[in-house]
Structures are given as structure tokens and as C-alpha cells.
Protein backbone atom coordinates (compact mmCIF):
# COMPACT_ATOMS: atom_id res chain seq x y z
CA MET A 1 -0.03 0.13 0.03
CA PRO A 2 1.85 3.64 -0.90
CA LYS A 3 2.73 5.74 1.77
CA GLN A 4 -0.06 8.46 2.29
CA LYS A 5 1.74 11.79 2.69
CA TYR A 6 -0.09 14.83 4.31
CA PHE A 7 0.64 18.62 2.88
CA GLN A 8 -0.54 21.59 4.51
CA GLU A 9 -0.32 25.00 2.43
CA PRO A 10 1.92 27.46 4.16
CA LEU A 11 -0.45 30.22 5.82
CA PHE A 12 2.29 32.69 4.37
CA GLN A 13 3.08 33.31 0.73
CA GLU A 14 6.64 34.11 1.47
CA LEU A 15 6.84 30.12 3.01
CA LYS A 16 5.79 28.46 -0.15
CA LYS A 17 8.53 28.59 -1.88
CA ASP A 18 9.95 26.30 0.88
CA TYR A 19 8.39 22.93 -0.29
CA CYS A 20 8.39 21.24 -3.49
CA TYR A 21 5.06 20.46 -4.80
CA VAL A 22 6.26 16.82 -6.04
CA CYS A 23 7.68 15.39 -2.98
CA TYR A 24 6.23 17.83 -0.44
CA GLU A 25 9.87 18.37 1.17
CA ARG A 26 11.08 21.37 1.87
CA ILE A 27 13.46 22.72 -0.42
CA LYS A 28 16.86 23.95 0.93
CA LYS A 29 18.95 26.84 -0.55
CA ASP A 30 20.33 26.80 -4.58
CA GLU A 31 17.98 23.76 -4.59
CA GLY A 32 14.82 24.72 -5.79
CA ILE A 33 13.18 25.97 -9.53
CA TYR A 34 10.47 28.35 -9.69
CA ILE A 35 7.46 26.61 -11.84
CA GLY A 36 5.37 29.56 -11.96
CA ASN A 37 1.98 30.22 -9.87
CA GLY A 38 3.53 30.07 -6.75
CA MET A 39 5.21 26.45 -7.22
CA TRP A 40 8.21 25.12 -6.58
CA ARG A 41 10.32 22.13 -6.91
CA HIS A 42 13.32 20.66 -6.18
CA LYS A 43 15.92 20.31 -9.31
CA LYS A 44 16.06 16.41 -8.60
CA CYS A 45 12.20 16.59 -8.79
CA LYS A 46 12.13 16.79 -12.52
CA PRO A 47 9.51 15.87 -14.87
CA GLY A 48 10.32 12.23 -15.99
CA SER A 49 12.73 11.66 -13.13
CA ASN A 50 12.30 8.51 -11.04
CA ARG A 51 11.39 10.89 -8.08
CA TRP A 52 8.63 12.82 -10.25
CA LEU A 53 7.21 9.44 -11.72
CA LYS A 54 6.76 8.11 -8.02
CA SER A 55 5.00 11.11 -7.16
CA ARG A 56 1.49 11.52 -6.84
CA VAL A 57 1.98 14.60 -9.48
CA GLY A 58 3.40 12.00 -12.00
CA GLN A 59 0.91 9.50 -11.53
CA GLU A 60 -1.77 12.04 -12.21
CA ASN A 61 0.24 13.86 -15.48
CA PRO A 62 1.86 10.87 -17.05
CA LEU A 63 4.40 11.99 -19.58
CA LEU A 64 4.15 10.89 -23.42
CA PHE A 65 7.69 10.04 -24.52
CA SER A 66 8.29 10.83 -28.32
CA CYS A 67 10.40 7.31 -28.23
CA ASP A 68 7.20 5.40 -27.14
CA GLN A 69 7.16 2.00 -29.04
CA SER A 70 3.04 2.47 -29.98
CA THR A 71 3.30 5.75 -31.86
CA LYS A 72 5.81 4.12 -34.32
């Protein structure tokens, strides 16, 4: 059974950048990338990475790879 994580939005806007929207862990200094719309992620949580694919975000929004054999 997958481990359920609970995430609470920070009350203050300036604290939002401290948490990754992919893995819900704190982002340390110089480890984050601004995505837009007030959302941040770790550099290692990039789309297509193992961390991203295992996350809830990656499972809800699967990537379509151009090298997929079914499209050829």
C-alpha cells in the first residue's frame, strides 16, 4: 500500500517556496526551481525523473515520451 502524505499549504506566501509540489519536502537554499503560479520543486524532482514518476503528480499526469514504441 502506498505511503500517504499529507500536505498543508503554508499560511504565508513567502513560505510557499520552501516546499516542493512533487515530493512535499522542504527545499533547501539553491535547490529549488520556480515553476510558476507560486509553485516550486527540487532540481532532482524534474519531470520524467524517478522521483517525479513515483510522486502523486507524476501518476496523475503521465508523460508521453516521443520514443514510445506504440506511436511508431
